[in-house]
Amino acid sequence: MPVQPLSEAPVGRKVRLVAIDGGRELTRRLLSLGLCVGTEVEVLHHRGRAVVVGNAGNRVALGAGMADKVQAEVLD
C-alpha cells in the first residue's frame, strides 16, 4: 500500500503508522499519546488537515503540523 501523510488518510479507514518525519520531541510526544511506528489506528475525522484517530478505545487529536509529519499506510 502507498505511504501518505496521516493528514491525507481517508476517514473511516484503519491505517498503520510507518514513519515519523520529525525529531525526538515529536516522537516522544506521539509516544506519550500512545502512538508509535507500527501502531494501527482508525481515522475518525478531519478538521482541515488536523486529524482525530481512535486507538484502543481512546481518541487522539493531532494538529495539522503533527499529522503531516506522520506517515501512514491504509490497511485493507
PDB file of N, CA and C in Angstrom:
ATOM      1  N   MET A   1       0.850  -1.190   0.000  1.00  0.00           N
ATOM      2  CA  MET A   1       0.000   0.000   0.000  1.00  0.00           C
ATOM      3  C   MET A   1       0.893   1.250   0.000  1.00  0.00           C
ATOM      4  N   PRO A   2       0.445   2.291  -0.665  1.00  0.00           N
ATOM      5  CA  PRO A   2       1.245   3.518  -0.701  1.00  0.00           C
ATOM      6  C   PRO A   2       1.265   4.213   0.666  1.00  0.00           C
ATOM      7  N   VAL A   3       2.362   4.851   0.949  1.00  0.00           N
ATOM      8  CA  VAL A   3       2.522   5.595   2.197  1.00  0.00           C
ATOM      9  C   VAL A   3       2.154   7.048   1.929  1.00  0.00           C
ATOM     10  N   GLN A   4       1.410   7.639   2.867  1.00  0.00           N
ATOM     11  CA  GLN A   4       0.969   9.021   2.730  1.00  0.00           C
ATOM     12  C   GLN A   4       0.938   9.664   4.113  1.00  0.00           C
ATOM     13  N   PRO A   5       0.934  10.992   4.178  1.00  0.00           N
ATOM     14  CA  PRO A   5       0.803  11.642   5.481  1.00  0.00           C
ATOM     15  C   PRO A   5      -0.536  11.283   6.132  1.00  0.00           C
ATOM     16  N   LEU A   6      -0.541  11.190   7.439  1.00  0.00           N
ATOM     17  CA  LEU A   6      -1.760  10.860   8.168  1.00  0.00           C
ATOM     18  C   LEU A   6      -2.864  11.884   7.884  1.00  0.00           C
ATOM     19  N   SER A   7      -2.484  13.121   7.612  1.00  0.00           N
ATOM     20  CA  SER A   7      -3.473  14.168   7.324  1.00  0.00           C
ATOM     21  C   SER A   7      -4.236  13.906   6.029  1.00  0.00           C
ATOM     22  N   GLU A   8      -3.732  13.005   5.172  1.00  0.00           N
ATOM     23  CA  GLU A   8      -4.400  12.692   3.905  1.00  0.00           C
ATOM     24  C   GLU A   8      -5.092  11.334   3.918  1.00  0.00           C
ATOM     25  N   ALA A   9      -5.035  10.625   5.033  1.00  0.00           N
ATOM     26  CA  ALA A   9      -5.650   9.302   5.127  1.00  0.00           C
ATOM     27  C   ALA A   9      -7.170   9.438   5.101  1.00  0.00           C
ATOM     28  N   PRO A  10      -7.862   8.518   4.445  1.00  0.00           N
ATOM     29  CA  PRO A  10      -9.324   8.613   4.342  1.00  0.00           C
ATOM     30  C   PRO A  10     -10.030   8.327   5.672  1.00  0.00           C
ATOM     31  N   VAL A  11     -11.092   9.055   5.900  1.00  0.00           N
ATOM     32  CA  VAL A  11     -11.890   8.891   7.121  1.00  0.00           C
ATOM     33  C   VAL A  11     -12.563   7.517   7.110  1.00  0.00           C
ATOM     34  N   GLY A  12     -12.586   6.884   8.289  1.00  0.00           N
ATOM     35  CA  GLY A  12     -13.242   5.599   8.426  1.00  0.00           C
ATOM     36  C   GLY A  12     -12.367   4.410   8.107  1.00  0.00           C
ATOM     37  N   ARG A  13     -11.126   4.628   7.727  1.00  0.00           N
ATOM     38  CA  ARG A  13     -10.222   3.531   7.373  1.00  0.00           C
ATOM     39  C   ARG A  13      -9.194   3.323   8.475  1.00  0.00           C
ATOM     40  N   LYS A  14      -8.736   2.102   8.586  1.00  0.00           N
ATOM     41  CA  LYS A  14      -7.644   1.792   9.507  1.00  0.00           C
ATOM     42  C   LYS A  14      -6.325   2.014   8.777  1.00  0.00           C
ATOM     43  N   VAL A  15      -5.371   2.583   9.503  1.00  0.00           N
ATOM     44  CA  VAL A  15      -4.046   2.827   8.950  1.00  0.00           C
ATOM     45  C   VAL A  15      -2.983   2.344   9.933  1.00  0.00           C
ATOM     46  N   ARG A  16      -1.807   2.054   9.403  1.00  0.00           N
ATOM     47  CA  ARG A  16      -0.656   1.687  10.231  1.00  0.00           C
ATOM     48  C   ARG A  16       0.355   2.812  10.118  1.00  0.00           C
ATOM     49  N   LEU A  17       0.845   3.288  11.246  1.00  0.00           N
ATOM     50  CA  LEU A  17       1.865   4.330  11.241  1.00  0.00           C
ATOM     51  C   LEU A  17       3.200   3.693  10.868  1.00  0.00           C
ATOM     52  N   VAL A  18       3.850   4.199   9.829  1.00  0.00           N
ATOM     53  CA  VAL A  18       5.076   3.579   9.329  1.00  0.00           C
ATOM     54  C   VAL A  18       6.321   4.434   9.518  1.00  0.00           C
ATOM     55  N   ALA A  19       6.178   5.729   9.714  1.00  0.00           N
ATOM     56  CA  ALA A  19       7.351   6.589   9.907  1.00  0.00           C
ATOM     57  C   ALA A  19       6.920   7.905  10.541  1.00  0.00           C
ATOM     58  N   ILE A  20       7.862   8.508  11.255  1.00  0.00           N
ATOM     59  CA  ILE A  20       7.644   9.830  11.840  1.00  0.00           C
ATOM     60  C   ILE A  20       8.754  10.727  11.320  1.00  0.00           C
ATOM     61  N   ASP A  21       8.362  11.732  10.536  1.00  0.00           N
ATOM     62  CA  ASP A  21       9.328  12.643   9.923  1.00  0.00           C
ATOM     63  C   ASP A  21       9.565  13.853  10.817  1.00  0.00           C
ATOM     64  N   GLY A  22       9.963  13.580  12.042  1.00  0.00           N
ATOM     65  CA  GLY A  22      10.208  14.657  12.992  1.00  0.00           C
ATOM     66  C   GLY A  22      11.330  14.270  13.925  1.00  0.00           C
ATOM     67  N   GLY A  23      11.629  15.148  14.834  1.00  0.00           N
ATOM     68  CA  GLY A  23      12.719  14.916  15.760  1.00  0.00           C
ATOM     69  C   GLY A  23      12.298  14.104  16.976  1.00  0.00           C
ATOM     70  N   ARG A  24      13.202  14.092  17.914  1.00  0.00           N
ATOM     71  CA  ARG A  24      12.989  13.327  19.142  1.00  0.00           C
ATOM     72  C   ARG A  24      11.785  13.832  19.937  1.00  0.00           C
ATOM     73  N   GLU A  25      11.591  15.139  19.973  1.00  0.00           N
ATOM     74  CA  GLU A  25      10.466  15.701  20.731  1.00  0.00           C
ATOM     75  C   GLU A  25       9.123  15.247  20.165  1.00  0.00           C
ATOM     76  N   LEU A  26       8.989  15.263  18.850  1.00  0.00           N
ATOM     77  CA  LEU A  26       7.738  14.814  18.235  1.00  0.00           C
ATOM     78  C   LEU A  26       7.521  13.328  18.504  1.00  0.00           C
ATOM     79  N   THR A  27       8.572  12.545  18.387  1.00  0.00           N
ATOM     80  CA  THR A  27       8.454  11.106  18.646  1.00  0.00           C
ATOM     81  C   THR A  27       8.031  10.857  20.084  1.00  0.00           C
ATOM     82  N   ARG A  28       8.606  11.573  21.018  1.00  0.00           N
ATOM     83  CA  ARG A  28       8.231  11.435  22.435  1.00  0.00           C
ATOM     84  C   ARG A  28       6.790  11.857  22.673  1.00  0.00           C
ATOM     85  N   ARG A  29       6.394  12.945  22.061  1.00  0.00           N
ATOM     86  CA  ARG A  29       5.015  13.436  22.234  1.00  0.00           C
ATOM     87  C   ARG A  29       4.020  12.403  21.722  1.00  0.00           C
ATOM     88  N   LEU A  30       4.275  11.852  20.546  1.00  0.00           N
ATOM     89  CA  LEU A  30       3.376  10.846  19.990  1.00  0.00           C
ATOM     90  C   LEU A  30       3.360   9.594  20.856  1.00  0.00           C
ATOM     91  N   LEU A  31       4.512   9.189  21.356  1.00  0.00           N
ATOM     92  CA  LEU A  31       4.576   8.023  22.224  1.00  0.00           C
ATOM     93  C   LEU A  31       3.764   8.249  23.499  1.00  0.00           C
ATOM     94  N   SER A  32       3.804   9.461  24.035  1.00  0.00           N
ATOM     95  CA  SER A  32       3.018   9.759  25.235  1.00  0.00           C
ATOM     96  C   SER A  32       1.516   9.707  24.955  1.00  0.00           C
ATOM     97  N   LEU A  33       1.142   9.872  23.686  1.00  0.00           N
ATOM     98  CA  LEU A  33      -0.264   9.770  23.285  1.00  0.00           C
ATOM     99  C   LEU A  33      -0.638   8.339  22.888  1.00  0.00           C
ATOM    100  N   GLY A  34       0.330   7.430  22.966  1.00  0.00           N
ATOM    101  CA  GLY A  34       0.070   6.030  22.623  1.00  0.00           C
ATOM    102  C   GLY A  34       0.257   5.715  21.154  1.00  0.00           C
ATOM    103  N   LEU A  35       0.956   6.585  20.442  1.00  0.00           N
ATOM    104  CA  LEU A  35       1.182   6.391  19.008  1.00  0.00           C
ATOM    105  C   LEU A  35       2.667   6.230  18.736  1.00  0.00           C
ATOM    106  N   CYS A  36       3.025   5.159  18.043  1.00  0.00           N
ATOM    107  CA  CYS A  36       4.407   4.939  17.642  1.00  0.00           C
ATOM    108  C   CYS A  36       4.396   4.185  16.319  1.00  0.00           C
ATOM    109  N   VAL A  37       5.554   4.038  15.721  1.00  0.00           N
ATOM    110  CA  VAL A  37       5.659   3.319  14.456  1.00  0.00           C
ATOM    111  C   VAL A  37       5.159   1.885  14.672  1.00  0.00           C
ATOM    112  N   GLY A  38       4.273   1.446  13.780  1.00  0.00           N
ATOM    113  CA  GLY A  38       3.689   0.115  13.885  1.00  0.00           C
ATOM    114  C   GLY A  38       2.298   0.098  14.488  1.00  0.00           C
ATOM    115  N   THR A  39       1.885   1.192  15.105  1.00  0.00           N
ATOM    116  CA  THR A  39       0.566   1.273  15.711  1.00  0.00           C
ATOM    117  C   THR A  39      -0.506   1.341  14.625  1.00  0.00           C
ATOM    118  N   GLU A  40      -1.602   0.610  14.823  1.00  0.00           N
ATOM    119  CA  GLU A  40      -2.739   0.675  13.904  1.00  0.00           C
ATOM    120  C   GLU A  40      -3.826   1.525  14.559  1.00  0.00           C
ATOM    121  N   VAL A  41      -4.316   2.504  13.827  1.00  0.00           N
ATOM    122  CA  VAL A  41      -5.357   3.407  14.321  1.00  0.00           C
ATOM    123  C   VAL A  41      -6.432   3.556  13.256  1.00  0.00           C
ATOM    124  N   GLU A  42      -7.601   4.017  13.682  1.00  0.00           N
ATOM    125  CA  GLU A  42      -8.684   4.314  12.743  1.00  0.00           C
ATOM    126  C   GLU A  42      -8.819   5.823  12.636  1.00  0.00           C
ATOM    127  N   VAL A  43      -8.897   6.315  11.417  1.00  0.00           N
ATOM    128  CA  VAL A  43      -9.086   7.745  11.195  1.00  0.00           C
ATOM    129  C   VAL A  43     -10.566   8.050  11.412  1.00  0.00           C
ATOM    130  N   LEU A  44     -10.873   8.838  12.444  1.00  0.00           N
ATOM    131  CA  LEU A  44     -12.256   9.119  12.796  1.00  0.00           C
ATOM    132  C   LEU A  44     -12.803  10.330  12.055  1.00  0.00           C
ATOM    133  N   HIS A  45     -12.053  11.408  12.012  1.00  0.00           N
ATOM    134  CA  HIS A  45     -12.455  12.550  11.191  1.00  0.00           C
ATOM    135  C   HIS A  45     -11.327  13.563  11.054  1.00  0.00           C
ATOM    136  N   HIS A  46     -11.522  14.463  10.092  1.00  0.00           N
ATOM    137  CA  HIS A  46     -10.573  15.526   9.797  1.00  0.00           C
ATOM    138  C   HIS A  46     -11.196  16.862  10.157  1.00  0.00           C
ATOM    139  N   ARG A  47     -10.355  17.780  10.541  1.00  0.00           N
ATOM    140  CA  ARG A  47     -10.735  19.190  10.692  1.00  0.00           C
ATOM    141  C   ARG A  47      -9.665  19.966   9.936  1.00  0.00           C
ATOM    142  N   GLY A  48      -9.931  20.214   8.690  1.00  0.00           N
ATOM    143  CA  GLY A  48      -8.891  20.775   7.826  1.00  0.00           C
ATOM    144  C   GLY A  48      -7.845  19.696   7.615  1.00  0.00           C
ATOM    145  N   ARG A  49      -6.598  19.989   7.986  1.00  0.00           N
ATOM    146  CA  ARG A  49      -5.537  18.981   7.897  1.00  0.00           C
ATOM    147  C   ARG A  49      -5.299  18.302   9.238  1.00  0.00           C
ATOM    148  N   ALA A  50      -5.953  18.767  10.291  1.00  0.00           N
ATOM    149  CA  ALA A  50      -5.867  18.112  11.592  1.00  0.00           C
ATOM    150  C   ALA A  50      -6.680  16.817  11.549  1.00  0.00           C
ATOM    151  N   VAL A  51      -6.299  15.854  12.379  1.00  0.00           N
ATOM    152  CA  VAL A  51      -6.900  14.520  12.323  1.00  0.00           C
ATOM    153  C   VAL A  51      -7.237  14.045  13.730  1.00  0.00           C
ATOM    154  N   VAL A  52      -8.361  13.357  13.856  1.00  0.00           N
ATOM    155  CA  VAL A  52      -8.693  12.651  15.089  1.00  0.00           C
ATOM    156  C   VAL A  52      -8.643  11.165  14.768  1.00  0.00           C
ATOM    157  N   VAL A  53      -7.846  10.424  15.548  1.00  0.00           N
ATOM    158  CA  VAL A  53      -7.716   8.983  15.341  1.00  0.00           C
ATOM    159  C   VAL A  53      -8.161   8.254  16.595  1.00  0.00           C
ATOM    160  N   GLY A  54      -8.612   7.028  16.398  1.00  0.00           N
ATOM    161  CA  GLY A  54      -9.010   6.177  17.510  1.00  0.00           C
ATOM    162  C   GLY A  54      -8.015   5.042  17.656  1.00  0.00           C
ATOM    163  N   ASN A  55      -7.641   4.760  18.910  1.00  0.00           N
ATOM    164  CA  ASN A  55      -6.669   3.713  19.183  1.00  0.00           C
ATOM    165  C   ASN A  55      -7.011   3.067  20.521  1.00  0.00           C
ATOM    166  N   ALA A  56      -7.393   1.788  20.490  1.00  0.00           N
ATOM    167  CA  ALA A  56      -7.669   1.024  21.706  1.00  0.00           C
ATOM    168  C   ALA A  56      -8.696   1.714  22.602  1.00  0.00           C
ATOM    169  N   GLY A  57      -9.757   2.226  22.008  1.00  0.00           N
ATOM    170  CA  GLY A  57     -10.816   2.866  22.774  1.00  0.00           C
ATOM    171  C   GLY A  57     -10.556   4.315  23.128  1.00  0.00           C
ATOM    172  N   ASN A  58      -9.416   4.855  22.741  1.00  0.00           N
ATOM    173  CA  ASN A  58      -9.076   6.254  23.018  1.00  0.00           C
ATOM    174  C   ASN A  58      -9.117   7.059  21.732  1.00  0.00           C
ATOM    175  N   ARG A  59      -9.424   8.330  21.877  1.00  0.00           N
ATOM    176  CA  ARG A  59      -9.375   9.248  20.746  1.00  0.00           C
ATOM    177  C   ARG A  59      -8.221  10.204  20.956  1.00  0.00           C
ATOM    178  N   VAL A  60      -7.477  10.424  19.877  1.00  0.00           N
ATOM    179  CA  VAL A  60      -6.328  11.326  19.936  1.00  0.00           C
ATOM    180  C   VAL A  60      -6.457  12.325  18.802  1.00  0.00           C
ATOM    181  N   ALA A  61      -6.368  13.600  19.135  1.00  0.00           N
ATOM    182  CA  ALA A  61      -6.420  14.656  18.123  1.00  0.00           C
ATOM    183  C   ALA A  61      -4.996  15.132  17.835  1.00  0.00           C
ATOM    184  N   LEU A  62      -4.650  15.160  16.562  1.00  0.00           N
ATOM    185  CA  LEU A  62      -3.338  15.645  16.131  1.00  0.00           C
ATOM    186  C   LEU A  62      -3.535  16.881  15.270  1.00  0.00           C
ATOM    187  N   GLY A  63      -2.790  17.914  15.568  1.00  0.00           N
ATOM    188  CA  GLY A  63      -2.846  19.118  14.756  1.00  0.00           C
ATOM    189  C   GLY A  63      -2.268  18.870  13.378  1.00  0.00           C
ATOM    190  N   ALA A  64      -2.476  19.817  12.494  1.00  0.00           N
ATOM    191  CA  ALA A  64      -2.035  19.666  11.104  1.00  0.00           C
ATOM    192  C   ALA A  64      -0.534  19.449  10.996  1.00  0.00           C
ATOM    193  N   GLY A  65       0.256  20.164  11.784  1.00  0.00           N
ATOM    194  CA  GLY A  65       1.709  20.017  11.722  1.00  0.00           C
ATOM    195  C   GLY A  65       2.165  18.622  12.094  1.00  0.00           C
ATOM    196  N   MET A  66       1.579  18.078  13.153  1.00  0.00           N
ATOM    197  CA  MET A  66       1.940  16.727  13.574  1.00  0.00           C
ATOM    198  C   MET A  66       1.425  15.694  12.575  1.00  0.00           C
ATOM    199  N   ALA A  67       0.198  15.850  12.121  1.00  0.00           N
ATOM    200  CA  ALA A  67      -0.394  14.874  11.193  1.00  0.00           C
ATOM    201  C   ALA A  67       0.353  14.830   9.868  1.00  0.00           C
ATOM    202  N   ASP A  68       0.907  15.964   9.444  1.00  0.00           N
ATOM    203  CA  ASP A  68       1.675  15.986   8.200  1.00  0.00           C
ATOM    204  C   ASP A  68       3.012  15.247   8.332  1.00  0.00           C
ATOM    205  N   LYS A  69       3.529  15.138   9.549  1.00  0.00           N
ATOM    206  CA  LYS A  69       4.837  14.510   9.766  1.00  0.00           C
ATOM    207  C   LYS A  69       4.741  13.026  10.066  1.00  0.00           C
ATOM    208  N   VAL A  70       3.531  12.503  10.231  1.00  0.00           N
ATOM    209  CA  VAL A  70       3.348  11.079  10.498  1.00  0.00           C
ATOM    210  C   VAL A  70       2.945  10.402   9.186  1.00  0.00           C
ATOM    211  N   GLN A  71       3.754   9.443   8.753  1.00  0.00           N
ATOM    212  CA  GLN A  71       3.476   8.706   7.519  1.00  0.00           C
ATOM    213  C   GLN A  71       2.709   7.436   7.851  1.00  0.00           C
ATOM    214  N   ALA A  72       1.677   7.151   7.060  1.00  0.00           N
ATOM    215  CA  ALA A  72       0.809   6.003   7.335  1.00  0.00           C
ATOM    216  C   ALA A  72       0.471   5.283   6.046  1.00  0.00           C
ATOM    217  N   GLU A  73       0.156   3.991   6.199  1.00  0.00           N
ATOM    218  CA  GLU A  73      -0.334   3.210   5.065  1.00  0.00           C
ATOM    219  C   GLU A  73      -1.725   2.716   5.404  1.00  0.00           C
ATOM    220  N   VAL A  74      -2.625   2.788   4.428  1.00  0.00           N
ATOM    221  CA  VAL A  74      -4.002   2.340   4.619  1.00  0.00           C
ATOM    222  C   VAL A  74      -4.035   0.825   4.581  1.00  0.00           C
ATOM    223  N   LEU A  75      -4.742   0.225   5.542  1.00  0.00           N
ATOM    224  CA  LEU A  75      -4.869  -1.222   5.611  1.00  0.00           C
ATOM    225  C   LEU A  75      -6.138  -1.669   4.891  1.00  0.00           C
ATOM    226  N   ASP A  76      -6.139  -2.880   4.408  1.00  0.00           N
ATOM    227  CA  ASP A  76      -7.304  -3.420   3.699  1.00  0.00           C
ATOM    228  C   ASP A  76      -8.425  -3.747   4.642  1.00  0.00           C
TER     229      ASP A  76
END
